[in-house]
């Protein structure tokens, strides 16, 4: 049996450099929690079944305008949602 729980954080990064009176655009930290699960079975473990769940925390990806002495304002807001997938495989030898 294989089981993996993965946590990753993408920190604040500069996305677009502002020009003249336009502010810079930064990504907001994104927290990602993903799960992978796989079970081999059958004669010589030729069959396997598994599942994968992405973005368990249902985090939102955002980019914001950021300027000196000003509140951040949303540039883009993307909600990718959670994704689920199932897998079944047969390995020929």
PDB file of N, CA and C in Angstrom:
ATOM      1  N   UNK A   1       0.851  -1.172   0.000  1.00  0.00           N
ATOM      2  CA  UNK A   1       0.000   0.000   0.000  1.00  0.00           C
ATOM      3  C   UNK A   1       0.900   1.239   0.000  1.00  0.00           C
ATOM      4  N   UNK A   2       0.513   2.226  -0.759  1.00  0.00           N
ATOM      5  CA  UNK A   2       1.230   3.493  -0.812  1.00  0.00           C
ATOM      6  C   UNK A   2       0.267   4.601  -0.442  1.00  0.00           C
ATOM      7  N   UNK A   3       0.698   5.463   0.451  1.00  0.00           N
ATOM      8  CA  UNK A   3      -0.124   6.592   0.888  1.00  0.00           C
ATOM      9  C   UNK A   3       0.773   7.806   1.000  1.00  0.00           C
ATOM     10  N   UNK A   4       0.347   8.910   0.429  1.00  0.00           N
ATOM     11  CA  UNK A   4       1.124  10.142   0.501  1.00  0.00           C
ATOM     12  C   UNK A   4       0.227  11.323   0.788  1.00  0.00           C
ATOM     13  N   UNK A   5       0.607  12.111   1.767  1.00  0.00           N
ATOM     14  CA  UNK A   5      -0.093  13.350   2.100  1.00  0.00           C
ATOM     15  C   UNK A   5       0.926  14.469   1.933  1.00  0.00           C
ATOM     16  N   UNK A   6       0.651  15.404   1.032  1.00  0.00           N
ATOM     17  CA  UNK A   6       1.628  16.420   0.662  1.00  0.00           C
ATOM     18  C   UNK A   6       1.080  17.823   0.939  1.00  0.00           C
ATOM     19  N   UNK A   7       1.893  18.620   1.628  1.00  0.00           N
ATOM     20  CA  UNK A   7       1.521  20.004   1.932  1.00  0.00           C
ATOM     21  C   UNK A   7       2.576  20.923   1.327  1.00  0.00           C
ATOM     22  N   UNK A   8       2.128  21.949   0.636  1.00  0.00           N
ATOM     23  CA  UNK A   8       3.037  22.888  -0.003  1.00  0.00           C
ATOM     24  C   UNK A   8       2.478  24.299   0.123  1.00  0.00           C
ATOM     25  N   UNK A   9       3.371  25.266   0.311  1.00  0.00           N
ATOM     26  CA  UNK A   9       2.964  26.673   0.351  1.00  0.00           C
ATOM     27  C   UNK A   9       3.764  27.424  -0.693  1.00  0.00           C
ATOM     28  N   UNK A  10       3.052  28.129  -1.542  1.00  0.00           N
ATOM     29  CA  UNK A  10       3.714  29.028  -2.485  1.00  0.00           C
ATOM     30  C   UNK A  10       3.589  30.416  -1.893  1.00  0.00           C
ATOM     31  N   UNK A  11       4.700  31.020  -1.551  1.00  0.00           N
ATOM     32  CA  UNK A  11       4.690  32.324  -0.883  1.00  0.00           C
ATOM     33  C   UNK A  11       4.406  33.485  -1.819  1.00  0.00           C
ATOM     34  N   UNK A  12       4.422  34.667  -1.251  1.00  0.00           N
ATOM     35  CA  UNK A  12       4.177  35.897  -2.001  1.00  0.00           C
ATOM     36  C   UNK A  12       5.312  36.100  -3.006  1.00  0.00           C
ATOM     37  N   UNK A  13       4.944  36.262  -4.267  1.00  0.00           N
ATOM     38  CA  UNK A  13       5.943  36.481  -5.316  1.00  0.00           C
ATOM     39  C   UNK A  13       5.486  37.602  -6.239  1.00  0.00           C
ATOM     40  N   UNK A  14       6.456  38.285  -6.804  1.00  0.00           N
ATOM     41  CA  UNK A  14       6.168  39.363  -7.749  1.00  0.00           C
ATOM     42  C   UNK A  14       5.740  38.761  -9.077  1.00  0.00           C
ATOM     43  N   UNK A  15       4.565  39.154  -9.544  1.00  0.00           N
ATOM     44  CA  UNK A  15       4.018  38.614 -10.798  1.00  0.00           C
ATOM     45  C   UNK A  15       4.244  39.592 -11.951  1.00  0.00           C
ATOM     46  N   UNK A  16       3.874  40.857 -11.771  1.00  0.00           N
ATOM     47  CA  UNK A  16       4.056  41.896 -12.781  1.00  0.00           C
ATOM     48  C   UNK A  16       4.655  43.134 -12.119  1.00  0.00           C
ATOM     49  N   UNK A  17       5.612  43.740 -12.774  1.00  0.00           N
ATOM     50  CA  UNK A  17       6.220  44.970 -12.279  1.00  0.00           C
ATOM     51  C   UNK A  17       5.395  46.143 -12.786  1.00  0.00           C
ATOM     52  N   UNK A  18       5.017  47.033 -11.847  1.00  0.00           N
ATOM     53  CA  UNK A  18       4.239  48.206 -12.222  1.00  0.00           C
ATOM     54  C   UNK A  18       5.092  49.217 -12.981  1.00  0.00           C
ATOM     55  N   UNK A  19       4.459  49.957 -13.879  1.00  0.00           N
ATOM     56  CA  UNK A  19       5.141  50.975 -14.668  1.00  0.00           C
ATOM     57  C   UNK A  19       4.436  52.301 -14.431  1.00  0.00           C
ATOM     58  N   UNK A  20       5.217  53.349 -14.192  1.00  0.00           N
ATOM     59  CA  UNK A  20       4.705  54.712 -13.957  1.00  0.00           C
ATOM     60  C   UNK A  20       3.739  54.701 -12.774  1.00  0.00           C
ATOM     61  N   UNK A  21       2.480  55.023 -13.002  1.00  0.00           N
ATOM     62  CA  UNK A  21       1.516  55.120 -11.896  1.00  0.00           C
ATOM     63  C   UNK A  21       0.772  53.813 -11.618  1.00  0.00           C
ATOM     64  N   UNK A  22       1.154  52.723 -12.270  1.00  0.00           N
ATOM     65  CA  UNK A  22       0.510  51.427 -12.042  1.00  0.00           C
ATOM     66  C   UNK A  22       1.296  50.638 -10.993  1.00  0.00           C
ATOM     67  N   UNK A  23       0.582  50.065 -10.002  1.00  0.00           N
ATOM     68  CA  UNK A  23       1.276  49.333  -8.930  1.00  0.00           C
ATOM     69  C   UNK A  23       1.737  47.942  -9.375  1.00  0.00           C
ATOM     70  N   UNK A  24       2.658  47.363  -8.594  1.00  0.00           N
ATOM     71  CA  UNK A  24       3.111  45.988  -8.831  1.00  0.00           C
ATOM     72  C   UNK A  24       1.985  45.010  -8.519  1.00  0.00           C
ATOM     73  N   UNK A  25       2.053  43.837  -9.129  1.00  0.00           N
ATOM     74  CA  UNK A  25       1.083  42.770  -8.859  1.00  0.00           C
ATOM     75  C   UNK A  25       1.838  41.601  -8.228  1.00  0.00           C
ATOM     76  N   UNK A  26       1.337  41.123  -7.088  1.00  0.00           N
ATOM     77  CA  UNK A  26       1.945  40.014  -6.355  1.00  0.00           C
ATOM     78  C   UNK A  26       0.955  38.866  -6.210  1.00  0.00           C
ATOM     79  N   UNK A  27       1.484  37.633  -6.132  1.00  0.00           N
ATOM     80  CA  UNK A  27       0.633  36.490  -5.805  1.00  0.00           C
ATOM     81  C   UNK A  27       0.506  36.419  -4.284  1.00  0.00           C
ATOM     82  N   UNK A  28      -0.665  36.045  -3.807  1.00  0.00           N
ATOM     83  CA  UNK A  28      -0.920  35.848  -2.382  1.00  0.00           C
ATOM     84  C   UNK A  28      -0.537  34.408  -2.047  1.00  0.00           C
ATOM     85  N   UNK A  29       0.042  34.134  -0.860  1.00  0.00           N
ATOM     86  CA  UNK A  29       0.417  32.749  -0.530  1.00  0.00           C
ATOM     87  C   UNK A  29      -0.751  31.772  -0.726  1.00  0.00           C
ATOM     88  N   UNK A  30      -0.421  30.621  -1.334  1.00  0.00           N
ATOM     89  CA  UNK A  30      -1.411  29.583  -1.649  1.00  0.00           C
ATOM     90  C   UNK A  30      -1.015  28.316  -0.897  1.00  0.00           C
ATOM     91  N   UNK A  31      -1.917  27.777  -0.096  1.00  0.00           N
ATOM     92  CA  UNK A  31      -1.671  26.566   0.682  1.00  0.00           C
ATOM     93  C   UNK A  31      -2.313  25.381  -0.031  1.00  0.00           C
ATOM     94  N   UNK A  32      -1.494  24.378  -0.329  1.00  0.00           N
ATOM     95  CA  UNK A  32      -1.966  23.221  -1.076  1.00  0.00           C
ATOM     96  C   UNK A  32      -1.785  21.948  -0.245  1.00  0.00           C
ATOM     97  N   UNK A  33      -2.865  21.189  -0.068  1.00  0.00           N
ATOM     98  CA  UNK A  33      -2.816  19.907   0.626  1.00  0.00           C
ATOM     99  C   UNK A  33      -3.400  18.857  -0.312  1.00  0.00           C
ATOM    100  N   UNK A  34      -2.583  17.840  -0.656  1.00  0.00           N
ATOM    101  CA  UNK A  34      -2.980  16.813  -1.617  1.00  0.00           C
ATOM    102  C   UNK A  34      -2.776  15.426  -1.019  1.00  0.00           C
ATOM    103  N   UNK A  35      -3.609  14.468  -1.446  1.00  0.00           N
ATOM    104  CA  UNK A  35      -3.540  13.097  -0.954  1.00  0.00           C
ATOM    105  C   UNK A  35      -3.475  12.139  -2.139  1.00  0.00           C
ATOM    106  N   UNK A  36      -2.530  11.185  -2.077  1.00  0.00           N
ATOM    107  CA  UNK A  36      -2.435  10.095  -3.063  1.00  0.00           C
ATOM    108  C   UNK A  36      -2.503   8.774  -2.315  1.00  0.00           C
ATOM    109  N   UNK A  37      -3.272   7.825  -2.873  1.00  0.00           N
ATOM    110  CA  UNK A  37      -3.468   6.540  -2.225  1.00  0.00           C
ATOM    111  C   UNK A  37      -3.486   5.464  -3.300  1.00  0.00           C
ATOM    112  N   UNK A  38      -2.714   4.381  -3.114  1.00  0.00           N
ATOM    113  CA  UNK A  38      -2.626   3.312  -4.108  1.00  0.00           C
ATOM    114  C   UNK A  38      -2.507   1.966  -3.405  1.00  0.00           C
ATOM    115  N   UNK A  39      -3.309   0.987  -3.842  1.00  0.00           N
ATOM    116  CA  UNK A  39      -3.262  -0.360  -3.270  1.00  0.00           C
ATOM    117  C   UNK A  39      -3.065  -1.377  -4.395  1.00  0.00           C
ATOM    118  N   UNK A  40      -1.940  -2.109  -4.377  1.00  0.00           N
ATOM    119  CA  UNK A  40      -1.777  -3.216  -5.320  1.00  0.00           C
ATOM    120  C   UNK A  40      -2.464  -4.473  -4.773  1.00  0.00           C
ATOM    121  N   UNK A  41      -3.014  -5.308  -5.663  1.00  0.00           N
ATOM    122  CA  UNK A  41      -3.678  -6.536  -5.216  1.00  0.00           C
ATOM    123  C   UNK A  41      -3.688  -7.548  -6.350  1.00  0.00           C
ATOM    124  N   UNK A  42      -4.183  -8.737  -6.046  1.00  0.00           N
ATOM    125  CA  UNK A  42      -4.271  -9.799  -7.039  1.00  0.00           C
ATOM    126  C   UNK A  42      -2.986 -10.606  -7.108  1.00  0.00           C
ATOM    127  N   UNK A  43      -2.996 -11.559  -8.048  1.00  0.00           N
ATOM    128  CA  UNK A  43      -1.832 -12.419  -8.229  1.00  0.00           C
ATOM    129  C   UNK A  43      -0.617 -11.599  -8.656  1.00  0.00           C
ATOM    130  N   UNK A  44       0.457 -11.695  -7.904  1.00  0.00           N
ATOM    131  CA  UNK A  44       1.699 -10.950  -8.160  1.00  0.00           C
ATOM    132  C   UNK A  44       1.481  -9.428  -8.177  1.00  0.00           C
ATOM    133  N   UNK A  45       0.451  -8.978  -7.503  1.00  0.00           N
ATOM    134  CA  UNK A  45       0.143  -7.530  -7.432  1.00  0.00           C
ATOM    135  C   UNK A  45       0.035  -6.888  -8.815  1.00  0.00           C
ATOM    136  N   UNK A  46      -0.588  -7.591  -9.735  1.00  0.00           N
ATOM    137  CA  UNK A  46      -0.730  -7.059 -11.094  1.00  0.00           C
ATOM    138  C   UNK A  46      -1.814  -5.987 -11.190  1.00  0.00           C
ATOM    139  N   UNK A  47      -2.769  -6.027 -10.313  1.00  0.00           N
ATOM    140  CA  UNK A  47      -3.824  -5.018 -10.303  1.00  0.00           C
ATOM    141  C   UNK A  47      -3.485  -3.951  -9.268  1.00  0.00           C
ATOM    142  N   UNK A  48      -3.957  -2.748  -9.507  1.00  0.00           N
ATOM    143  CA  UNK A  48      -3.825  -1.698  -8.497  1.00  0.00           C
ATOM    144  C   UNK A  48      -4.993  -0.734  -8.631  1.00  0.00           C
ATOM    145  N   UNK A  49      -5.382  -0.192  -7.508  1.00  0.00           N
ATOM    146  CA  UNK A  49      -6.461   0.792  -7.469  1.00  0.00           C
ATOM    147  C   UNK A  49      -6.004   1.934  -6.568  1.00  0.00           C
ATOM    148  N   UNK A  50      -6.453   3.115  -6.898  1.00  0.00           N
ATOM    149  CA  UNK A  50      -6.034   4.250  -6.099  1.00  0.00           C
ATOM    150  C   UNK A  50      -6.934   5.444  -6.283  1.00  0.00           C
ATOM    151  N   UNK A  51      -6.661   6.454  -5.486  1.00  0.00           N
ATOM    152  CA  UNK A  51      -7.391   7.715  -5.616  1.00  0.00           C
ATOM    153  C   UNK A  51      -6.441   8.867  -5.330  1.00  0.00           C
ATOM    154  N   UNK A  52      -6.836  10.027  -5.813  1.00  0.00           N
ATOM    155  CA  UNK A  52      -6.043  11.239  -5.643  1.00  0.00           C
ATOM    156  C   UNK A  52      -7.011  12.383  -5.359  1.00  0.00           C
ATOM    157  N   UNK A  53      -6.705  13.179  -4.349  1.00  0.00           N
ATOM    158  CA  UNK A  53      -7.504  14.354  -4.018  1.00  0.00           C
ATOM    159  C   UNK A  53      -6.557  15.554  -3.995  1.00  0.00           C
ATOM    160  N   UNK A  54      -6.856  16.564  -4.793  1.00  0.00           N
ATOM    161  CA  UNK A  54      -6.052  17.780  -4.844  1.00  0.00           C
ATOM    162  C   UNK A  54      -6.797  18.943  -4.201  1.00  0.00           C
ATOM    163  N   UNK A  55      -6.042  19.850  -3.591  1.00  0.00           N
ATOM    164  CA  UNK A  55      -6.566  21.073  -2.969  1.00  0.00           C
ATOM    165  C   UNK A  55      -7.612  20.757  -1.904  1.00  0.00           C
ATOM    166  N   UNK A  56      -7.263  19.875  -0.984  1.00  0.00           N
ATOM    167  CA  UNK A  56      -8.176  19.465   0.088  1.00  0.00           C
ATOM    168  C   UNK A  56      -8.649  20.668   0.901  1.00  0.00           C
ATOM    169  N   UNK A  57      -7.786  21.663   1.097  1.00  0.00           N
ATOM    170  CA  UNK A  57      -8.140  22.853   1.877  1.00  0.00           C
ATOM    171  C   UNK A  57      -9.026  23.821   1.101  1.00  0.00           C
ATOM    172  N   UNK A  58      -9.239  23.548  -0.180  1.00  0.00           N
ATOM    173  CA  UNK A  58     -10.050  24.398  -1.051  1.00  0.00           C
ATOM    174  C   UNK A  58      -9.530  25.835  -1.079  1.00  0.00           C
ATOM    175  N   UNK A  59      -8.204  25.979  -1.145  1.00  0.00           N
ATOM    176  CA  UNK A  59      -7.575  27.299  -1.167  1.00  0.00           C
ATOM    177  C   UNK A  59      -7.866  28.043  -2.460  1.00  0.00           C
ATOM    178  N   UNK A  60      -7.861  29.359  -2.361  1.00  0.00           N
ATOM    179  CA  UNK A  60      -8.118  30.241  -3.494  1.00  0.00           C
ATOM    180  C   UNK A  60      -6.788  30.851  -3.932  1.00  0.00           C
ATOM    181  N   UNK A  61      -6.585  30.931  -5.235  1.00  0.00           N
ATOM    182  CA  UNK A  61      -5.382  31.588  -5.774  1.00  0.00           C
ATOM    183  C   UNK A  61      -5.733  33.036  -6.093  1.00  0.00           C
ATOM    184  N   UNK A  62      -4.966  33.953  -5.498  1.00  0.00           N
ATOM    185  CA  UNK A  62      -5.224  35.371  -5.714  1.00  0.00           C
ATOM    186  C   UNK A  62      -3.954  36.098  -6.115  1.00  0.00           C
ATOM    187  N   UNK A  63      -4.146  37.156  -6.885  1.00  0.00           N
ATOM    188  CA  UNK A  63      -3.089  38.112  -7.180  1.00  0.00           C
ATOM    189  C   UNK A  63      -3.630  39.476  -6.803  1.00  0.00           C
ATOM    190  N   UNK A  64      -2.762  40.317  -6.236  1.00  0.00           N
ATOM    191  CA  UNK A  64      -3.215  41.625  -5.762  1.00  0.00           C
ATOM    192  C   UNK A  64      -2.304  42.740  -6.274  1.00  0.00           C
ATOM    193  N   UNK A  65      -2.918  43.927  -6.474  1.00  0.00           N
ATOM    194  CA  UNK A  65      -2.145  45.138  -6.706  1.00  0.00           C
ATOM    195  C   UNK A  65      -1.560  45.532  -5.357  1.00  0.00           C
ATOM    196  N   UNK A  66      -0.293  45.908  -5.322  1.00  0.00           N
ATOM    197  CA  UNK A  66       0.338  46.310  -4.070  1.00  0.00           C
ATOM    198  C   UNK A  66       1.201  47.545  -4.322  1.00  0.00           C
ATOM    199  N   UNK A  67       0.925  48.607  -3.564  1.00  0.00           N
ATOM    200  CA  UNK A  67       1.670  49.851  -3.720  1.00  0.00           C
ATOM    201  C   UNK A  67       2.006  50.417  -2.342  1.00  0.00           C
ATOM    202  N   UNK A  68       2.992  51.268  -2.289  1.00  0.00           N
ATOM    203  CA  UNK A  68       3.446  51.895  -1.051  1.00  0.00           C
ATOM    204  C   UNK A  68       2.324  52.731  -0.428  1.00  0.00           C
ATOM    205  N   UNK A  69       2.103  52.542   0.868  1.00  0.00           N
ATOM    206  CA  UNK A  69       1.090  53.287   1.644  1.00  0.00           C
ATOM    207  C   UNK A  69      -0.331  53.125   1.086  1.00  0.00           C
ATOM    208  N   UNK A  70      -0.653  51.978   0.524  1.00  0.00           N
ATOM    209  CA  UNK A  70      -1.998  51.728  -0.007  1.00  0.00           C
ATOM    210  C   UNK A  70      -2.417  50.315   0.365  1.00  0.00           C
ATOM    211  N   UNK A  71      -3.712  50.119   0.520  1.00  0.00           N
ATOM    212  CA  UNK A  71      -4.240  48.784   0.779  1.00  0.00           C
ATOM    213  C   UNK A  71      -4.155  47.948  -0.497  1.00  0.00           C
ATOM    214  N   UNK A  72      -3.888  46.645  -0.323  1.00  0.00           N
ATOM    215  CA  UNK A  72      -3.869  45.740  -1.477  1.00  0.00           C
ATOM    216  C   UNK A  72      -5.265  45.639  -2.085  1.00  0.00           C
ATOM    217  N   UNK A  73      -5.321  45.562  -3.399  1.00  0.00           N
ATOM    218  CA  UNK A  73      -6.586  45.381  -4.109  1.00  0.00           C
ATOM    219  C   UNK A  73      -6.459  44.157  -5.009  1.00  0.00           C
ATOM    220  N   UNK A  74      -7.544  43.416  -5.142  1.00  0.00           N
ATOM    221  CA  UNK A  74      -7.528  42.167  -5.913  1.00  0.00           C
ATOM    222  C   UNK A  74      -7.342  42.447  -7.404  1.00  0.00           C
ATOM    223  N   UNK A  75      -6.383  41.740  -7.991  1.00  0.00           N
ATOM    224  CA  UNK A  75      -6.129  41.790  -9.428  1.00  0.00           C
ATOM    225  C   UNK A  75      -6.814  40.606 -10.106  1.00  0.00           C
ATOM    226  N   UNK A  76      -6.579  39.392  -9.586  1.00  0.00           N
ATOM    227  CA  UNK A  76      -7.290  38.200 -10.057  1.00  0.00           C
ATOM    228  C   UNK A  76      -7.653  37.335  -8.860  1.00  0.00           C
ATOM    229  N   UNK A  77      -8.731  36.586  -8.995  1.00  0.00           N
ATOM    230  CA  UNK A  77      -9.211  35.699  -7.948  1.00  0.00           C
ATOM    231  C   UNK A  77      -9.674  34.403  -8.617  1.00  0.00           C
ATOM    232  N   UNK A  78      -8.968  33.305  -8.351  1.00  0.00           N
ATOM    233  CA  UNK A  78      -9.287  32.027  -8.992  1.00  0.00           C
ATOM    234  C   UNK A  78      -9.544  30.982  -7.920  1.00  0.00           C
ATOM    235  N   UNK A  79     -10.685  30.330  -7.980  1.00  0.00           N
ATOM    236  CA  UNK A  79     -11.003  29.250  -7.049  1.00  0.00           C
ATOM    237  C   UNK A  79     -10.997  27.933  -7.834  1.00  0.00           C
ATOM    238  N   UNK A  80      -9.860  27.203  -7.804  1.00  0.00           N
ATOM    239  CA  UNK A  80      -9.786  25.955  -8.581  1.00  0.00           C
ATOM    240  C   UNK A  80     -10.628  24.831  -7.999  1.00  0.00           C
ATOM    241  N   UNK A  81     -11.051  24.952  -6.735  1.00  0.00           N
ATOM    242  CA  UNK A  81     -11.862  23.915  -6.101  1.00  0.00           C
ATOM    243  C   UNK A  81     -11.053  22.658  -5.824  1.00  0.00           C
ATOM    244  N   UNK A  82     -11.729  21.654  -5.302  1.00  0.00           N
ATOM    245  CA  UNK A  82     -11.105  20.358  -5.046  1.00  0.00           C
ATOM    246  C   UNK A  82     -11.282  19.475  -6.272  1.00  0.00           C
ATOM    247  N   UNK A  83     -10.314  18.601  -6.498  1.00  0.00           N
ATOM    248  CA  UNK A  83     -10.477  17.639  -7.584  1.00  0.00           C
ATOM    249  C   UNK A  83     -10.224  16.231  -7.047  1.00  0.00           C
ATOM    250  N   UNK A  84     -11.016  15.299  -7.547  1.00  0.00           N
ATOM    251  CA  UNK A  84     -10.947  13.894  -7.143  1.00  0.00           C
ATOM    252  C   UNK A  84     -10.711  13.052  -8.396  1.00  0.00           C
ATOM    253  N   UNK A  85      -9.864  12.039  -8.261  1.00  0.00           N
ATOM    254  CA  UNK A  85      -9.707  11.104  -9.368  1.00  0.00           C
ATOM    255  C   UNK A  85      -9.497   9.696  -8.810  1.00  0.00           C
ATOM    256  N   UNK A  86     -10.032   8.730  -9.541  1.00  0.00           N
ATOM    257  CA  UNK A  86      -9.885   7.317  -9.198  1.00  0.00           C
ATOM    258  C   UNK A  86      -9.067   6.648 -10.289  1.00  0.00           C
ATOM    259  N   UNK A  87      -8.323   5.622  -9.894  1.00  0.00           N
ATOM    260  CA  UNK A  87      -7.455   4.948 -10.846  1.00  0.00           C
ATOM    261  C   UNK A  87      -7.550   3.446 -10.658  1.00  0.00           C
ATOM    262  N   UNK A  88      -7.598   2.728 -11.774  1.00  0.00           N
ATOM    263  CA  UNK A  88      -7.539   1.271 -11.758  1.00  0.00           C
ATOM    264  C   UNK A  88      -6.576   0.855 -12.862  1.00  0.00           C
ATOM    265  N   UNK A  89      -5.635  -0.028 -12.539  1.00  0.00           N
ATOM    266  CA  UNK A  89      -4.627  -0.413 -13.523  1.00  0.00           C
ATOM    267  C   UNK A  89      -4.355  -1.909 -13.480  1.00  0.00           C
ATOM    268  N   UNK A  90      -3.947  -2.440 -14.614  1.00  0.00           N
ATOM    269  CA  UNK A  90      -3.505  -3.820 -14.741  1.00  0.00           C
ATOM    270  C   UNK A  90      -2.141  -3.798 -15.406  1.00  0.00           C
ATOM    271  N   UNK A  91      -1.185  -4.503 -14.820  1.00  0.00           N
ATOM    272  CA  UNK A  91       0.173  -4.512 -15.345  1.00  0.00           C
ATOM    273  C   UNK A  91       0.479  -5.877 -15.945  1.00  0.00           C
ATOM    274  N   UNK A  92       0.803  -5.880 -17.257  1.00  0.00           N
ATOM    275  CA  UNK A  92       1.151  -7.127 -17.930  1.00  0.00           C
ATOM    276  C   UNK A  92       2.642  -7.383 -17.745  1.00  0.00           C
ATOM    277  N   UNK A  93       2.991  -8.654 -17.577  1.00  0.00           N
ATOM    278  CA  UNK A  93       4.415  -8.997 -17.375  1.00  0.00           C
ATOM    279  C   UNK A  93       4.855 -10.071 -18.305  1.00  0.00           C
TER     280      UNK A  93
END
